[in-house]
């Protein structure tokens, strides 16, 4: 049968230890911003900065520990596709904000 799913590849899949490390890091990186939002211990600007930093770190943790993206040759296509997607989303969001800001300035001037 040509379409049988009985072949295995040597792709890097995570071990239980790897998944547990990712899970624990995700819990920690979620609990810290939650605690900062629930009890205002820091100034508002610093709280927002810490929450955004934790979100970026958590994205990296998910990419490494759960999606297994690394610098290996097997992941080169996945990483390049991911980077292209990030670039397209950044362009769409950035240019949309620029257009809305420009329209706001033009409408307020009249």
PDB file of N, CA and C in Angstrom:
ATOM      1  N   UNK A   1       0.838  -1.170   0.000  1.00  0.00           N
ATOM      2  CA  UNK A   1       0.000   0.000   0.000  1.00  0.00           C
ATOM      3  C   UNK A   1       0.889   1.241   0.000  1.00  0.00           C
ATOM      4  N   UNK A   2       0.709   2.112  -0.971  1.00  0.00           N
ATOM      5  CA  UNK A   2       1.596   3.257  -1.158  1.00  0.00           C
ATOM      6  C   UNK A   2       1.396   4.344  -0.110  1.00  0.00           C
ATOM      7  N   UNK A   3       0.204   4.456   0.435  1.00  0.00           N
ATOM      8  CA  UNK A   3      -0.080   5.532   1.379  1.00  0.00           C
ATOM      9  C   UNK A   3      -0.083   5.062   2.823  1.00  0.00           C
ATOM     10  N   UNK A   4       0.556   3.974   3.118  1.00  0.00           N
ATOM     11  CA  UNK A   4       0.571   3.462   4.493  1.00  0.00           C
ATOM     12  C   UNK A   4       1.377   4.398   5.387  1.00  0.00           C
ATOM     13  N   UNK A   5       0.968   4.491   6.623  1.00  0.00           N
ATOM     14  CA  UNK A   5       1.627   5.371   7.586  1.00  0.00           C
ATOM     15  C   UNK A   5       2.519   4.569   8.518  1.00  0.00           C
ATOM     16  N   UNK A   6       3.289   3.677   7.958  1.00  0.00           N
ATOM     17  CA  UNK A   6       4.130   2.837   8.808  1.00  0.00           C
ATOM     18  C   UNK A   6       5.610   3.210   8.732  1.00  0.00           C
ATOM     19  N   UNK A   7       5.929   4.305   8.056  1.00  0.00           N
ATOM     20  CA  UNK A   7       7.319   4.740   8.004  1.00  0.00           C
ATOM     21  C   UNK A   7       7.561   5.778   9.088  1.00  0.00           C
ATOM     22  N   UNK A   8       8.739   5.736   9.665  1.00  0.00           N
ATOM     23  CA  UNK A   8       9.099   6.682  10.718  1.00  0.00           C
ATOM     24  C   UNK A   8      10.301   7.484  10.258  1.00  0.00           C
ATOM     25  N   UNK A   9      10.248   8.748  10.564  1.00  0.00           N
ATOM     26  CA  UNK A   9      11.354   9.627  10.211  1.00  0.00           C
ATOM     27  C   UNK A   9      12.189   9.895  11.447  1.00  0.00           C
ATOM     28  N   UNK A  10      13.390  10.359  11.230  1.00  0.00           N
ATOM     29  CA  UNK A  10      14.271  10.686  12.344  1.00  0.00           C
ATOM     30  C   UNK A  10      14.112  12.141  12.767  1.00  0.00           C
ATOM     31  N   UNK A  11      12.897  12.678  12.639  1.00  0.00           N
ATOM     32  CA  UNK A  11      12.659  14.046  13.067  1.00  0.00           C
ATOM     33  C   UNK A  11      12.816  14.139  14.574  1.00  0.00           C
ATOM     34  N   UNK A  12      13.211  15.308  15.011  1.00  0.00           N
ATOM     35  CA  UNK A  12      13.423  15.480  16.445  1.00  0.00           C
ATOM     36  C   UNK A  12      12.090  15.749  17.130  1.00  0.00           C
ATOM     37  N   UNK A  13      11.640  14.796  17.881  1.00  0.00           N
ATOM     38  CA  UNK A  13      10.453  14.963  18.699  1.00  0.00           C
ATOM     39  C   UNK A  13      10.913  15.069  20.130  1.00  0.00           C
ATOM     40  N   UNK A  14      10.140  15.803  20.904  1.00  0.00           N
ATOM     41  CA  UNK A  14      10.541  16.032  22.275  1.00  0.00           C
ATOM     42  C   UNK A  14      10.340  14.819  23.156  1.00  0.00           C
ATOM     43  N   UNK A  15      11.131  14.774  24.198  1.00  0.00           N
ATOM     44  CA  UNK A  15      10.982  13.731  25.200  1.00  0.00           C
ATOM     45  C   UNK A  15      10.023  14.236  26.272  1.00  0.00           C
ATOM     46  N   UNK A  16       9.686  13.363  27.194  1.00  0.00           N
ATOM     47  CA  UNK A  16       8.816  13.763  28.300  1.00  0.00           C
ATOM     48  C   UNK A  16       9.495  14.867  29.110  1.00  0.00           C
ATOM     49  N   UNK A  17      10.801  14.749  29.300  1.00  0.00           N
ATOM     50  CA  UNK A  17      11.551  15.765  30.043  1.00  0.00           C
ATOM     51  C   UNK A  17      11.458  17.121  29.340  1.00  0.00           C
ATOM     52  N   UNK A  18      11.605  17.119  28.021  1.00  0.00           N
ATOM     53  CA  UNK A  18      11.528  18.353  27.250  1.00  0.00           C
ATOM     54  C   UNK A  18      10.146  18.989  27.368  1.00  0.00           C
ATOM     55  N   UNK A  19       9.103  18.164  27.252  1.00  0.00           N
ATOM     56  CA  UNK A  19       7.747  18.688  27.381  1.00  0.00           C
ATOM     57  C   UNK A  19       7.477  19.212  28.789  1.00  0.00           C
ATOM     58  N   UNK A  20       7.999  18.554  29.799  1.00  0.00           N
ATOM     59  CA  UNK A  20       7.792  19.009  31.177  1.00  0.00           C
ATOM     60  C   UNK A  20       8.522  20.327  31.433  1.00  0.00           C
ATOM     61  N   UNK A  21       9.723  20.468  30.895  1.00  0.00           N
ATOM     62  CA  UNK A  21      10.443  21.736  31.037  1.00  0.00           C
ATOM     63  C   UNK A  21       9.645  22.857  30.374  1.00  0.00           C
ATOM     64  N   UNK A  22       9.155  22.612  29.173  1.00  0.00           N
ATOM     65  CA  UNK A  22       8.340  23.605  28.480  1.00  0.00           C
ATOM     66  C   UNK A  22       7.070  23.933  29.232  1.00  0.00           C
ATOM     67  N   UNK A  23       6.433  22.915  29.807  1.00  0.00           N
ATOM     68  CA  UNK A  23       5.197  23.126  30.559  1.00  0.00           C
ATOM     69  C   UNK A  23       5.451  23.972  31.801  1.00  0.00           C
ATOM     70  N   UNK A  24       6.494  23.635  32.551  1.00  0.00           N
ATOM     71  CA  UNK A  24       6.807  24.381  33.776  1.00  0.00           C
ATOM     72  C   UNK A  24       7.182  25.828  33.438  1.00  0.00           C
ATOM     73  N   UNK A  25       7.989  26.016  32.408  1.00  0.00           N
ATOM     74  CA  UNK A  25       8.336  27.378  32.000  1.00  0.00           C
ATOM     75  C   UNK A  25       7.097  28.161  31.566  1.00  0.00           C
ATOM     76  N   UNK A  26       6.182  27.507  30.869  1.00  0.00           N
ATOM     77  CA  UNK A  26       4.954  28.175  30.446  1.00  0.00           C
ATOM     78  C   UNK A  26       4.102  28.588  31.639  1.00  0.00           C
ATOM     79  N   UNK A  27       4.016  27.714  32.635  1.00  0.00           N
ATOM     80  CA  UNK A  27       3.252  28.043  33.844  1.00  0.00           C
ATOM     81  C   UNK A  27       3.882  29.237  34.555  1.00  0.00           C
ATOM     82  N   UNK A  28       5.198  29.230  34.696  1.00  0.00           N
ATOM     83  CA  UNK A  28       5.893  30.339  35.362  1.00  0.00           C
ATOM     84  C   UNK A  28       5.711  31.635  34.576  1.00  0.00           C
ATOM     85  N   UNK A  29       5.863  31.544  33.249  1.00  0.00           N
ATOM     86  CA  UNK A  29       5.743  32.736  32.416  1.00  0.00           C
ATOM     87  C   UNK A  29       4.307  33.226  32.296  1.00  0.00           C
ATOM     88  N   UNK A  30       3.338  32.442  32.733  1.00  0.00           N
ATOM     89  CA  UNK A  30       1.956  32.889  32.806  1.00  0.00           C
ATOM     90  C   UNK A  30       1.637  33.425  34.193  1.00  0.00           C
ATOM     91  N   UNK A  31       2.173  32.792  35.220  1.00  0.00           N
ATOM     92  CA  UNK A  31       1.865  33.182  36.601  1.00  0.00           C
ATOM     93  C   UNK A  31       2.441  34.554  36.953  1.00  0.00           C
ATOM     94  N   UNK A  32       3.623  34.857  36.475  1.00  0.00           N
ATOM     95  CA  UNK A  32       4.244  36.147  36.805  1.00  0.00           C
ATOM     96  C   UNK A  32       3.419  37.325  36.264  1.00  0.00           C
ATOM     97  N   UNK A  33       3.048  37.355  34.983  1.00  0.00           N
ATOM     98  CA  UNK A  33       2.205  38.464  34.517  1.00  0.00           C
ATOM     99  C   UNK A  33       0.830  38.487  35.189  1.00  0.00           C
ATOM    100  N   UNK A  34       0.283  37.317  35.484  1.00  0.00           N
ATOM    101  CA  UNK A  34      -1.008  37.270  36.172  1.00  0.00           C
ATOM    102  C   UNK A  34      -0.898  37.920  37.544  1.00  0.00           C
ATOM    103  N   UNK A  35       0.162  37.599  38.271  1.00  0.00           N
ATOM    104  CA  UNK A  35       0.361  38.193  39.596  1.00  0.00           C
ATOM    105  C   UNK A  35       0.577  39.703  39.488  1.00  0.00           C
ATOM    106  N   UNK A  36       1.320  40.134  38.490  1.00  0.00           N
ATOM    107  CA  UNK A  36       1.542  41.573  38.310  1.00  0.00           C
ATOM    108  C   UNK A  36       0.252  42.306  37.958  1.00  0.00           C
ATOM    109  N   UNK A  37      -0.608  41.676  37.187  1.00  0.00           N
ATOM    110  CA  UNK A  37      -1.871  42.313  36.816  1.00  0.00           C
ATOM    111  C   UNK A  37      -2.860  42.329  37.979  1.00  0.00           C
ATOM    112  N   UNK A  38      -2.834  41.291  38.802  1.00  0.00           N
ATOM    113  CA  UNK A  38      -3.787  41.208  39.917  1.00  0.00           C
ATOM    114  C   UNK A  38      -3.407  42.102  41.093  1.00  0.00           C
ATOM    115  N   UNK A  39      -2.130  42.236  41.363  1.00  0.00           N
ATOM    116  CA  UNK A  39      -1.706  43.099  42.472  1.00  0.00           C
ATOM    117  C   UNK A  39      -0.695  44.107  41.935  1.00  0.00           C
ATOM    118  N   UNK A  40      -1.104  45.351  41.845  1.00  0.00           N
ATOM    119  CA  UNK A  40      -0.217  46.367  41.244  1.00  0.00           C
ATOM    120  C   UNK A  40       0.985  46.674  42.136  1.00  0.00           C
ATOM    121  N   UNK A  41       2.041  45.898  41.957  1.00  0.00           N
ATOM    122  CA  UNK A  41       3.261  46.087  42.742  1.00  0.00           C
ATOM    123  C   UNK A  41       4.211  47.069  42.063  1.00  0.00           C
ATOM    124  N   UNK A  42       4.138  47.158  40.758  1.00  0.00           N
ATOM    125  CA  UNK A  42       5.047  47.997  39.978  1.00  0.00           C
ATOM    126  C   UNK A  42       4.267  49.136  39.333  1.00  0.00           C
ATOM    127  N   UNK A  43       4.957  50.168  38.875  1.00  0.00           N
ATOM    128  CA  UNK A  43       4.268  51.214  38.108  1.00  0.00           C
ATOM    129  C   UNK A  43       3.652  50.630  36.831  1.00  0.00           C
ATOM    130  N   UNK A  44       2.617  51.297  36.346  1.00  0.00           N
ATOM    131  CA  UNK A  44       1.851  50.769  35.212  1.00  0.00           C
ATOM    132  C   UNK A  44       2.726  50.525  33.977  1.00  0.00           C
ATOM    133  N   UNK A  45       3.586  51.471  33.647  1.00  0.00           N
ATOM    134  CA  UNK A  45       4.436  51.317  32.454  1.00  0.00           C
ATOM    135  C   UNK A  45       5.376  50.126  32.586  1.00  0.00           C
ATOM    136  N   UNK A  46       5.954  49.955  33.761  1.00  0.00           N
ATOM    137  CA  UNK A  46       6.861  48.833  33.979  1.00  0.00           C
ATOM    138  C   UNK A  46       6.104  47.503  33.967  1.00  0.00           C
ATOM    139  N   UNK A  47       4.886  47.516  34.504  1.00  0.00           N
ATOM    140  CA  UNK A  47       4.061  46.301  34.485  1.00  0.00           C
ATOM    141  C   UNK A  47       3.763  45.869  33.053  1.00  0.00           C
ATOM    142  N   UNK A  48       3.388  46.820  32.217  1.00  0.00           N
ATOM    143  CA  UNK A  48       3.106  46.505  30.808  1.00  0.00           C
ATOM    144  C   UNK A  48       4.362  45.987  30.119  1.00  0.00           C
ATOM    145  N   UNK A  49       5.496  46.601  30.396  1.00  0.00           N
ATOM    146  CA  UNK A  49       6.758  46.165  29.797  1.00  0.00           C
ATOM    147  C   UNK A  49       7.113  44.737  30.217  1.00  0.00           C
ATOM    148  N   UNK A  50       6.934  44.425  31.491  1.00  0.00           N
ATOM    149  CA  UNK A  50       7.235  43.070  31.981  1.00  0.00           C
ATOM    150  C   UNK A  50       6.282  42.054  31.359  1.00  0.00           C
ATOM    151  N   UNK A  51       5.002  42.398  31.253  1.00  0.00           N
ATOM    152  CA  UNK A  51       4.022  41.474  30.668  1.00  0.00           C
ATOM    153  C   UNK A  51       4.348  41.207  29.199  1.00  0.00           C
ATOM    154  N   UNK A  52       4.701  42.238  28.451  1.00  0.00           N
ATOM    155  CA  UNK A  52       5.063  42.052  27.039  1.00  0.00           C
ATOM    156  C   UNK A  52       6.332  41.213  26.916  1.00  0.00           C
ATOM    157  N   UNK A  53       7.312  41.469  27.779  1.00  0.00           N
ATOM    158  CA  UNK A  53       8.552  40.682  27.750  1.00  0.00           C
ATOM    159  C   UNK A  53       8.270  39.216  28.059  1.00  0.00           C
ATOM    160  N   UNK A  54       7.431  38.949  29.051  1.00  0.00           N
ATOM    161  CA  UNK A  54       7.082  37.562  29.390  1.00  0.00           C
ATOM    162  C   UNK A  54       6.334  36.893  28.238  1.00  0.00           C
ATOM    163  N   UNK A  55       5.501  37.651  27.533  1.00  0.00           N
ATOM    164  CA  UNK A  55       4.777  37.089  26.389  1.00  0.00           C
ATOM    165  C   UNK A  55       5.741  36.692  25.273  1.00  0.00           C
ATOM    166  N   UNK A  56       6.717  37.539  25.003  1.00  0.00           N
ATOM    167  CA  UNK A  56       7.705  37.227  23.962  1.00  0.00           C
ATOM    168  C   UNK A  56       8.527  36.005  24.360  1.00  0.00           C
ATOM    169  N   UNK A  57       8.945  35.956  25.624  1.00  0.00           N
ATOM    170  CA  UNK A  57       9.707  34.797  26.103  1.00  0.00           C
ATOM    171  C   UNK A  57       8.860  33.534  26.013  1.00  0.00           C
ATOM    172  N   UNK A  58       7.564  33.650  26.335  1.00  0.00           N
ATOM    173  CA  UNK A  58       6.704  32.471  26.273  1.00  0.00           C
ATOM    174  C   UNK A  58       6.519  31.982  24.837  1.00  0.00           C
ATOM    175  N   UNK A  59       6.460  32.892  23.884  1.00  0.00           N
ATOM    176  CA  UNK A  59       6.382  32.484  22.476  1.00  0.00           C
ATOM    177  C   UNK A  59       7.628  31.691  22.096  1.00  0.00           C
ATOM    178  N   UNK A  60       8.789  32.152  22.530  1.00  0.00           N
ATOM    179  CA  UNK A  60      10.035  31.439  22.239  1.00  0.00           C
ATOM    180  C   UNK A  60      10.033  30.063  22.898  1.00  0.00           C
ATOM    181  N   UNK A  61       9.557  29.980  24.143  1.00  0.00           N
ATOM    182  CA  UNK A  61       9.479  28.683  24.838  1.00  0.00           C
ATOM    183  C   UNK A  61       8.581  27.725  24.069  1.00  0.00           C
ATOM    184  N   UNK A  62       7.442  28.200  23.599  1.00  0.00           N
ATOM    185  CA  UNK A  62       6.533  27.331  22.846  1.00  0.00           C
ATOM    186  C   UNK A  62       7.157  26.887  21.529  1.00  0.00           C
ATOM    187  N   UNK A  63       7.847  27.798  20.856  1.00  0.00           N
ATOM    188  CA  UNK A  63       8.481  27.430  19.591  1.00  0.00           C
ATOM    189  C   UNK A  63       9.567  26.383  19.790  1.00  0.00           C
ATOM    190  N   UNK A  64      10.331  26.500  20.854  1.00  0.00           N
ATOM    191  CA  UNK A  64      11.450  25.585  21.075  1.00  0.00           C
ATOM    192  C   UNK A  64      10.989  24.261  21.670  1.00  0.00           C
ATOM    193  N   UNK A  65      10.188  24.307  22.729  1.00  0.00           N
ATOM    194  CA  UNK A  65       9.866  23.080  23.461  1.00  0.00           C
ATOM    195  C   UNK A  65       8.664  22.322  22.898  1.00  0.00           C
ATOM    196  N   UNK A  66       7.714  23.011  22.275  1.00  0.00           N
ATOM    197  CA  UNK A  66       6.526  22.315  21.786  1.00  0.00           C
ATOM    198  C   UNK A  66       6.507  22.159  20.271  1.00  0.00           C
ATOM    199  N   UNK A  67       6.990  23.156  19.540  1.00  0.00           N
ATOM    200  CA  UNK A  67       7.039  23.048  18.082  1.00  0.00           C
ATOM    201  C   UNK A  67       8.395  22.572  17.583  1.00  0.00           C
ATOM    202  N   UNK A  68       9.360  22.434  18.484  1.00  0.00           N
ATOM    203  CA  UNK A  68      10.689  21.881  18.198  1.00  0.00           C
ATOM    204  C   UNK A  68      11.423  22.639  17.095  1.00  0.00           C
ATOM    205  N   UNK A  69      11.275  23.950  17.076  1.00  0.00           N
ATOM    206  CA  UNK A  69      12.015  24.758  16.109  1.00  0.00           C
ATOM    207  C   UNK A  69      13.396  25.051  16.669  1.00  0.00           C
ATOM    208  N   UNK A  70      14.396  24.700  15.889  1.00  0.00           N
ATOM    209  CA  UNK A  70      15.771  24.972  16.285  1.00  0.00           C
ATOM    210  C   UNK A  70      16.574  25.288  15.029  1.00  0.00           C
ATOM    211  N   UNK A  71      17.874  25.304  15.138  1.00  0.00           N
ATOM    212  CA  UNK A  71      18.731  25.658  14.004  1.00  0.00           C
ATOM    213  C   UNK A  71      19.185  24.452  13.187  1.00  0.00           C
ATOM    214  N   UNK A  72      18.573  23.304  13.388  1.00  0.00           N
ATOM    215  CA  UNK A  72      18.990  22.116  12.648  1.00  0.00           C
ATOM    216  C   UNK A  72      18.539  22.203  11.189  1.00  0.00           C
ATOM    217  N   UNK A  73      19.165  21.395  10.344  1.00  0.00           N
ATOM    218  CA  UNK A  73      18.824  21.395   8.921  1.00  0.00           C
ATOM    219  C   UNK A  73      17.390  20.934   8.679  1.00  0.00           C
ATOM    220  N   UNK A  74      16.894  20.028   9.522  1.00  0.00           N
ATOM    221  CA  UNK A  74      15.541  19.516   9.340  1.00  0.00           C
ATOM    222  C   UNK A  74      14.492  20.605   9.573  1.00  0.00           C
ATOM    223  N   UNK A  75      14.803  21.575  10.391  1.00  0.00           N
ATOM    224  CA  UNK A  75      13.840  22.621  10.731  1.00  0.00           C
ATOM    225  C   UNK A  75      14.013  23.890   9.902  1.00  0.00           C
ATOM    226  N   UNK A  76      14.931  23.892   8.964  1.00  0.00           N
ATOM    227  CA  UNK A  76      15.210  25.108   8.196  1.00  0.00           C
ATOM    228  C   UNK A  76      13.971  25.617   7.465  1.00  0.00           C
ATOM    229  N   UNK A  77      13.205  24.732   6.838  1.00  0.00           N
ATOM    230  CA  UNK A  77      11.996  25.162   6.127  1.00  0.00           C
ATOM    231  C   UNK A  77      10.948  25.695   7.092  1.00  0.00           C
ATOM    232  N   UNK A  78      10.779  25.032   8.221  1.00  0.00           N
ATOM    233  CA  UNK A  78       9.794  25.491   9.198  1.00  0.00           C
ATOM    234  C   UNK A  78      10.160  26.858   9.766  1.00  0.00           C
ATOM    235  N   UNK A  79      11.422  27.051  10.073  1.00  0.00           N
ATOM    236  CA  UNK A  79      11.862  28.332  10.637  1.00  0.00           C
ATOM    237  C   UNK A  79      11.713  29.446   9.613  1.00  0.00           C
ATOM    238  N   UNK A  80      12.091  29.189   8.370  1.00  0.00           N
ATOM    239  CA  UNK A  80      11.970  30.232   7.348  1.00  0.00           C
ATOM    240  C   UNK A  80      10.501  30.554   7.070  1.00  0.00           C
ATOM    241  N   UNK A  81       9.636  29.558   7.079  1.00  0.00           N
ATOM    242  CA  UNK A  81       8.207  29.806   6.904  1.00  0.00           C
ATOM    243  C   UNK A  81       7.652  30.612   8.066  1.00  0.00           C
ATOM    244  N   UNK A  82       8.074  30.276   9.278  1.00  0.00           N
ATOM    245  CA  UNK A  82       7.628  31.018  10.456  1.00  0.00           C
ATOM    246  C   UNK A  82       8.097  32.467  10.395  1.00  0.00           C
ATOM    247  N   UNK A  83       9.354  32.693  10.028  1.00  0.00           N
ATOM    248  CA  UNK A  83       9.870  34.060   9.944  1.00  0.00           C
ATOM    249  C   UNK A  83       9.152  34.863   8.860  1.00  0.00           C
ATOM    250  N   UNK A  84       8.838  34.231   7.736  1.00  0.00           N
ATOM    251  CA  UNK A  84       8.079  34.913   6.692  1.00  0.00           C
ATOM    252  C   UNK A  84       6.690  35.288   7.196  1.00  0.00           C
ATOM    253  N   UNK A  85       6.046  34.386   7.932  1.00  0.00           N
ATOM    254  CA  UNK A  85       4.726  34.664   8.487  1.00  0.00           C
ATOM    255  C   UNK A  85       4.781  35.827   9.471  1.00  0.00           C
ATOM    256  N   UNK A  86       5.793  35.838  10.323  1.00  0.00           N
ATOM    257  CA  UNK A  86       5.953  36.943  11.277  1.00  0.00           C
ATOM    258  C   UNK A  86       6.152  38.260  10.532  1.00  0.00           C
ATOM    259  N   UNK A  87       6.947  38.240   9.465  1.00  0.00           N
ATOM    260  CA  UNK A  87       7.188  39.448   8.689  1.00  0.00           C
ATOM    261  C   UNK A  87       5.898  39.959   8.043  1.00  0.00           C
ATOM    262  N   UNK A  88       5.105  39.059   7.459  1.00  0.00           N
ATOM    263  CA  UNK A  88       3.858  39.462   6.813  1.00  0.00           C
ATOM    264  C   UNK A  88       2.886  40.031   7.841  1.00  0.00           C
ATOM    265  N   UNK A  89       2.766  39.382   8.993  1.00  0.00           N
ATOM    266  CA  UNK A  89       1.867  39.883  10.035  1.00  0.00           C
ATOM    267  C   UNK A  89       2.338  41.244  10.539  1.00  0.00           C
ATOM    268  N   UNK A  90       3.647  41.404  10.742  1.00  0.00           N
ATOM    269  CA  UNK A  90       4.181  42.693  11.194  1.00  0.00           C
ATOM    270  C   UNK A  90       3.899  43.789  10.165  1.00  0.00           C
ATOM    271  N   UNK A  91       4.058  43.467   8.886  1.00  0.00           N
ATOM    272  CA  UNK A  91       3.750  44.446   7.844  1.00  0.00           C
ATOM    273  C   UNK A  91       2.268  44.800   7.834  1.00  0.00           C
ATOM    274  N   UNK A  92       1.405  43.805   7.916  1.00  0.00           N
ATOM    275  CA  UNK A  92      -0.033  44.071   7.910  1.00  0.00           C
ATOM    276  C   UNK A  92      -0.453  44.929   9.096  1.00  0.00           C
ATOM    277  N   UNK A  93       0.002  44.576  10.279  1.00  0.00           N
ATOM    278  CA  UNK A  93      -0.376  45.333  11.473  1.00  0.00           C
ATOM    279  C   UNK A  93       0.254  46.724  11.441  1.00  0.00           C
ATOM    280  N   UNK A  94       1.547  46.786  11.143  1.00  0.00           N
ATOM    281  CA  UNK A  94       2.235  48.078  11.130  1.00  0.00           C
ATOM    282  C   UNK A  94       1.670  49.041  10.098  1.00  0.00           C
ATOM    283  N   UNK A  95       1.466  48.565   8.891  1.00  0.00           N
ATOM    284  CA  UNK A  95       0.933  49.442   7.852  1.00  0.00           C
ATOM    285  C   UNK A  95      -0.522  49.814   8.110  1.00  0.00           C
ATOM    286  N   UNK A  96      -1.303  48.912   8.696  1.00  0.00           N
ATOM    287  CA  UNK A  96      -2.685  49.248   9.060  1.00  0.00           C
ATOM    288  C   UNK A  96      -2.713  50.347  10.119  1.00  0.00           C
ATOM    289  N   UNK A  97      -1.842  50.233  11.123  1.00  0.00           N
ATOM    290  CA  UNK A  97      -1.769  51.283  12.146  1.00  0.00           C
ATOM    291  C   UNK A  97      -1.312  52.609  11.547  1.00  0.00           C
ATOM    292  N   UNK A  98      -0.371  52.553  10.626  1.00  0.00           N
ATOM    293  CA  UNK A  98       0.108  53.762   9.971  1.00  0.00           C
ATOM    294  C   UNK A  98      -1.017  54.436   9.180  1.00  0.00           C
ATOM    295  N   UNK A  99      -1.792  53.640   8.452  1.00  0.00           N
ATOM    296  CA  UNK A  99      -2.914  54.178   7.681  1.00  0.00           C
ATOM    297  C   UNK A  99      -3.947  54.797   8.614  1.00  0.00           C
ATOM    298  N   UNK A 100      -4.294  54.096   9.696  1.00  0.00           N
ATOM    299  CA  UNK A 100      -5.291  54.639  10.627  1.00  0.00           C
ATOM    300  C   UNK A 100      -4.790  55.916  11.293  1.00  0.00           C
ATOM    301  N   UNK A 101      -3.518  55.971  11.661  1.00  0.00           N
ATOM    302  CA  UNK A 101      -2.955  57.172  12.264  1.00  0.00           C
ATOM    303  C   UNK A 101      -2.978  58.328  11.269  1.00  0.00           C
ATOM    304  N   UNK A 102      -2.616  58.053  10.022  1.00  0.00           N
ATOM    305  CA  UNK A 102      -2.617  59.096   8.995  1.00  0.00           C
ATOM    306  C   UNK A 102      -4.025  59.615   8.738  1.00  0.00           C
ATOM    307  N   UNK A 103      -4.993  58.720   8.686  1.00  0.00           N
ATOM    308  CA  UNK A 103      -6.381  59.139   8.482  1.00  0.00           C
ATOM    309  C   UNK A 103      -6.860  59.969   9.663  1.00  0.00           C
ATOM    310  N   UNK A 104      -6.489  59.565  10.860  1.00  0.00           N
ATOM    311  CA  UNK A 104      -6.879  60.319  12.055  1.00  0.00           C
ATOM    312  C   UNK A 104      -6.305  61.737  12.007  1.00  0.00           C
ATOM    313  N   UNK A 105      -5.036  61.865  11.632  1.00  0.00           N
ATOM    314  CA  UNK A 105      -4.399  63.181  11.542  1.00  0.00           C
ATOM    315  C   UNK A 105      -5.083  64.030  10.472  1.00  0.00           C
ATOM    316  N   UNK A 106      -5.383  63.433   9.320  1.00  0.00           N
ATOM    317  CA  UNK A 106      -6.034  64.174   8.234  1.00  0.00           C
ATOM    318  C   UNK A 106      -7.428  64.636   8.629  1.00  0.00           C
ATOM    319  N   UNK A 107      -8.170  63.810   9.337  1.00  0.00           N
ATOM    320  CA  UNK A 107      -9.537  64.178   9.709  1.00  0.00           C
ATOM    321  C   UNK A 107      -9.549  65.204  10.838  1.00  0.00           C
ATOM    322  N   UNK A 108      -8.573  65.168  11.719  1.00  0.00           N
ATOM    323  CA  UNK A 108      -8.529  66.128  12.818  1.00  0.00           C
ATOM    324  C   UNK A 108      -8.054  67.502  12.341  1.00  0.00           C
ATOM    325  N   UNK A 109      -7.336  67.553  11.234  1.00  0.00           N
ATOM    326  CA  UNK A 109      -6.819  68.822  10.731  1.00  0.00           C
ATOM    327  C   UNK A 109      -7.914  69.672  10.103  1.00  0.00           C
ATOM    328  N   UNK A 110      -8.989  69.059   9.649  1.00  0.00           N
ATOM    329  CA  UNK A 110     -10.048  69.811   8.951  1.00  0.00           C
ATOM    330  C   UNK A 110     -11.121  70.279   9.874  1.00  0.00           C
TER     331      UNK A 110
END
